């Protein structure tokens, strides 16, 4: 699921759109996006 989120972040989708598409909470997506900003791809996938 996180690799799919990563692709969507890179495509410029908003957190709410990613959460709805992946059927996860917006809070989870917020954490994943923060991890992506701080640690890049490895931050999201770890």
PDB file of N, CA and C in Angstrom:
ATOM      1  N   UNK A   1       0.824  -1.186   0.000  1.00  0.00           N
ATOM      2  CA  UNK A   1       0.000   0.000   0.000  1.00  0.00           C
ATOM      3  C   UNK A   1       0.874   1.258   0.000  1.00  0.00           C
ATOM      4  N   UNK A   2       1.955   1.237   0.745  1.00  0.00           N
ATOM      5  CA  UNK A   2       2.823   2.415   0.785  1.00  0.00           C
ATOM      6  C   UNK A   2       3.466   2.736  -0.554  1.00  0.00           C
ATOM      7  N   UNK A   3       3.884   1.715  -1.330  1.00  0.00           N
ATOM      8  CA  UNK A   3       4.417   2.054  -2.666  1.00  0.00           C
ATOM      9  C   UNK A   3       3.376   2.764  -3.542  1.00  0.00           C
ATOM     10  N   UNK A   4       2.114   2.377  -3.411  1.00  0.00           N
ATOM     11  CA  UNK A   4       1.051   3.041  -4.164  1.00  0.00           C
ATOM     12  C   UNK A   4       0.896   4.482  -3.693  1.00  0.00           C
ATOM     13  N   UNK A   5       0.983   4.681  -2.388  1.00  0.00           N
ATOM     14  CA  UNK A   5       0.891   6.038  -1.847  1.00  0.00           C
ATOM     15  C   UNK A   5       2.045   6.884  -2.362  1.00  0.00           C
ATOM     16  N   UNK A   6       3.231   6.315  -2.388  1.00  0.00           N
ATOM     17  CA  UNK A   6       4.405   7.032  -2.872  1.00  0.00           C
ATOM     18  C   UNK A   6       4.198   7.512  -4.304  1.00  0.00           C
ATOM     19  N   UNK A   7       3.677   6.643  -5.155  1.00  0.00           N
ATOM     20  CA  UNK A   7       3.407   7.024  -6.551  1.00  0.00           C
ATOM     21  C   UNK A   7       2.419   8.179  -6.607  1.00  0.00           C
ATOM     22  N   UNK A   8       1.426   8.135  -5.759  1.00  0.00           N
ATOM     23  CA  UNK A   8       0.408   9.181  -5.749  1.00  0.00           C
ATOM     24  C   UNK A   8       0.973  10.499  -5.211  1.00  0.00           C
ATOM     25  N   UNK A   9       1.869  10.434  -4.214  1.00  0.00           N
ATOM     26  CA  UNK A   9       2.523  11.651  -3.718  1.00  0.00           C
ATOM     27  C   UNK A   9       3.309  12.303  -4.847  1.00  0.00           C
ATOM     28  N   UNK A  10       4.057  11.486  -5.564  1.00  0.00           N
ATOM     29  CA  UNK A  10       4.889  11.995  -6.647  1.00  0.00           C
ATOM     30  C   UNK A  10       4.043  12.577  -7.771  1.00  0.00           C
ATOM     31  N   UNK A  11       2.822  12.081  -7.927  1.00  0.00           N
ATOM     32  CA  UNK A  11       1.913  12.594  -8.950  1.00  0.00           C
ATOM     33  C   UNK A  11       1.216  13.873  -8.497  1.00  0.00           C
ATOM     34  N   UNK A  12       1.406  14.241  -7.225  1.00  0.00           N
ATOM     35  CA  UNK A  12       0.838  15.485  -6.729  1.00  0.00           C
ATOM     36  C   UNK A  12      -0.545  15.379  -6.123  1.00  0.00           C
ATOM     37  N   UNK A  13      -0.995  14.163  -5.833  1.00  0.00           N
ATOM     38  CA  UNK A  13      -2.324  13.999  -5.235  1.00  0.00           C
ATOM     39  C   UNK A  13      -2.322  14.485  -3.790  1.00  0.00           C
ATOM     40  N   UNK A  14      -3.482  14.965  -3.371  1.00  0.00           N
ATOM     41  CA  UNK A  14      -3.621  15.432  -1.994  1.00  0.00           C
ATOM     42  C   UNK A  14      -3.850  14.248  -1.056  1.00  0.00           C
ATOM     43  N   UNK A  15      -3.610  14.505   0.232  1.00  0.00           N
ATOM     44  CA  UNK A  15      -3.741  13.443   1.235  1.00  0.00           C
ATOM     45  C   UNK A  15      -5.126  12.800   1.214  1.00  0.00           C
ATOM     46  N   UNK A  16      -6.158  13.621   1.126  1.00  0.00           N
ATOM     47  CA  UNK A  16      -7.526  13.085   1.146  1.00  0.00           C
ATOM     48  C   UNK A  16      -7.779  12.174  -0.055  1.00  0.00           C
ATOM     49  N   UNK A  17      -7.238  12.541  -1.208  1.00  0.00           N
ATOM     50  CA  UNK A  17      -7.414  11.727  -2.403  1.00  0.00           C
ATOM     51  C   UNK A  17      -6.697  10.386  -2.259  1.00  0.00           C
ATOM     52  N   UNK A  18      -5.493  10.435  -1.713  1.00  0.00           N
ATOM     53  CA  UNK A  18      -4.716   9.208  -1.521  1.00  0.00           C
ATOM     54  C   UNK A  18      -5.422   8.302  -0.514  1.00  0.00           C
ATOM     55  N   UNK A  19      -5.880   8.884   0.575  1.00  0.00           N
ATOM     56  CA  UNK A  19      -6.561   8.102   1.610  1.00  0.00           C
ATOM     57  C   UNK A  19      -7.811   7.429   1.050  1.00  0.00           C
ATOM     58  N   UNK A  20      -8.597   8.154   0.287  1.00  0.00           N
ATOM     59  CA  UNK A  20      -9.822   7.587  -0.275  1.00  0.00           C
ATOM     60  C   UNK A  20      -9.503   6.475  -1.273  1.00  0.00           C
ATOM     61  N   UNK A  21      -8.513   6.702  -2.107  1.00  0.00           N
ATOM     62  CA  UNK A  21      -8.171   5.713  -3.131  1.00  0.00           C
ATOM     63  C   UNK A  21      -7.632   4.427  -2.514  1.00  0.00           C
ATOM     64  N   UNK A  22      -6.863   4.566  -1.439  1.00  0.00           N
ATOM     65  CA  UNK A  22      -6.250   3.390  -0.821  1.00  0.00           C
ATOM     66  C   UNK A  22      -7.062   2.835   0.343  1.00  0.00           C
ATOM     67  N   UNK A  23      -8.148   3.521   0.667  1.00  0.00           N
ATOM     68  CA  UNK A  23      -9.030   3.105   1.762  1.00  0.00           C
ATOM     69  C   UNK A  23      -8.288   2.979   3.093  1.00  0.00           C
ATOM     70  N   UNK A  24      -7.554   4.050   3.408  1.00  0.00           N
ATOM     71  CA  UNK A  24      -6.867   4.155   4.693  1.00  0.00           C
ATOM     72  C   UNK A  24      -7.237   5.502   5.291  1.00  0.00           C
ATOM     73  N   UNK A  25      -6.856   5.711   6.541  1.00  0.00           N
ATOM     74  CA  UNK A  25      -7.180   6.972   7.189  1.00  0.00           C
ATOM     75  C   UNK A  25      -6.296   8.101   6.665  1.00  0.00           C
ATOM     76  N   UNK A  26      -6.846   9.294   6.707  1.00  0.00           N
ATOM     77  CA  UNK A  26      -6.075  10.471   6.297  1.00  0.00           C
ATOM     78  C   UNK A  26      -4.863  10.647   7.207  1.00  0.00           C
ATOM     79  N   UNK A  27      -4.999  10.275   8.459  1.00  0.00           N
ATOM     80  CA  UNK A  27      -3.893  10.387   9.415  1.00  0.00           C
ATOM     81  C   UNK A  27      -2.712   9.511   8.982  1.00  0.00           C
ATOM     82  N   UNK A  28      -2.992   8.304   8.519  1.00  0.00           N
ATOM     83  CA  UNK A  28      -1.918   7.426   8.031  1.00  0.00           C
ATOM     84  C   UNK A  28      -1.215   8.058   6.839  1.00  0.00           C
ATOM     85  N   UNK A  29      -2.001   8.603   5.929  1.00  0.00           N
ATOM     86  CA  UNK A  29      -1.419   9.232   4.747  1.00  0.00           C
ATOM     87  C   UNK A  29      -0.563  10.430   5.151  1.00  0.00           C
ATOM     88  N   UNK A  30      -1.013  11.190   6.130  1.00  0.00           N
ATOM     89  CA  UNK A  30      -0.220  12.327   6.618  1.00  0.00           C
ATOM     90  C   UNK A  30       1.136  11.850   7.142  1.00  0.00           C
ATOM     91  N   UNK A  31       1.126  10.759   7.894  1.00  0.00           N
ATOM     92  CA  UNK A  31       2.393  10.219   8.430  1.00  0.00           C
ATOM     93  C   UNK A  31       3.307   9.747   7.300  1.00  0.00           C
ATOM     94  N   UNK A  32       2.729   9.074   6.322  1.00  0.00           N
ATOM     95  CA  UNK A  32       3.531   8.581   5.198  1.00  0.00           C
ATOM     96  C   UNK A  32       4.117   9.732   4.402  1.00  0.00           C
ATOM     97  N   UNK A  33       3.319  10.792   4.183  1.00  0.00           N
ATOM     98  CA  UNK A  33       3.817  11.934   3.418  1.00  0.00           C
ATOM     99  C   UNK A  33       4.943  12.627   4.179  1.00  0.00           C
ATOM    100  N   UNK A  34       4.788  12.758   5.491  1.00  0.00           N
ATOM    101  CA  UNK A  34       5.849  13.368   6.310  1.00  0.00           C
ATOM    102  C   UNK A  34       7.122  12.529   6.208  1.00  0.00           C
ATOM    103  N   UNK A  35       6.979  11.219   6.288  1.00  0.00           N
ATOM    104  CA  UNK A  35       8.138  10.325   6.172  1.00  0.00           C
ATOM    105  C   UNK A  35       8.788  10.475   4.794  1.00  0.00           C
ATOM    106  N   UNK A  36       7.971  10.660   3.774  1.00  0.00           N
ATOM    107  CA  UNK A  36       8.489  10.839   2.408  1.00  0.00           C
ATOM    108  C   UNK A  36       9.266  12.145   2.294  1.00  0.00           C
ATOM    109  N   UNK A  37       8.711  13.225   2.865  1.00  0.00           N
ATOM    110  CA  UNK A  37       9.394  14.520   2.813  1.00  0.00           C
ATOM    111  C   UNK A  37      10.726  14.476   3.560  1.00  0.00           C
ATOM    112  N   UNK A  38      10.734  13.787   4.688  1.00  0.00           N
ATOM    113  CA  UNK A  38      11.931  13.767   5.540  1.00  0.00           C
ATOM    114  C   UNK A  38      12.956  12.731   5.119  1.00  0.00           C
ATOM    115  N   UNK A  39      12.508  11.586   4.595  1.00  0.00           N
ATOM    116  CA  UNK A  39      13.443  10.510   4.297  1.00  0.00           C
ATOM    117  C   UNK A  39      13.390   9.976   2.889  1.00  0.00           C
ATOM    118  N   UNK A  40      12.617  10.622   2.025  1.00  0.00           N
ATOM    119  CA  UNK A  40      12.502  10.161   0.655  1.00  0.00           C
ATOM    120  C   UNK A  40      11.751   8.837   0.572  1.00  0.00           C
ATOM    121  N   UNK A  41      11.977   8.154  -0.510  1.00  0.00           N
ATOM    122  CA  UNK A  41      11.285   6.887  -0.766  1.00  0.00           C
ATOM    123  C   UNK A  41      11.538   5.872   0.358  1.00  0.00           C
ATOM    124  N   UNK A  42      12.766   5.814   0.824  1.00  0.00           N
ATOM    125  CA  UNK A  42      13.114   4.860   1.884  1.00  0.00           C
ATOM    126  C   UNK A  42      12.336   5.162   3.171  1.00  0.00           C
ATOM    127  N   UNK A  43      12.063   6.433   3.421  1.00  0.00           N
ATOM    128  CA  UNK A  43      11.308   6.820   4.610  1.00  0.00           C
ATOM    129  C   UNK A  43       9.887   6.296   4.588  1.00  0.00           C
ATOM    130  N   UNK A  44       9.284   6.257   3.423  1.00  0.00           N
ATOM    131  CA  UNK A  44       7.910   5.772   3.310  1.00  0.00           C
ATOM    132  C   UNK A  44       7.863   4.258   3.379  1.00  0.00           C
ATOM    133  N   UNK A  45       8.813   3.628   2.758  1.00  0.00           N
ATOM    134  CA  UNK A  45       8.772   2.166   2.642  1.00  0.00           C
ATOM    135  C   UNK A  45       9.271   1.431   3.877  1.00  0.00           C
ATOM    136  N   UNK A  46       9.906   2.145   4.781  1.00  0.00           N
ATOM    137  CA  UNK A  46      10.446   1.464   5.973  1.00  0.00           C
ATOM    138  C   UNK A  46       9.378   1.234   7.021  1.00  0.00           C
TER     139      UNK A  46
END
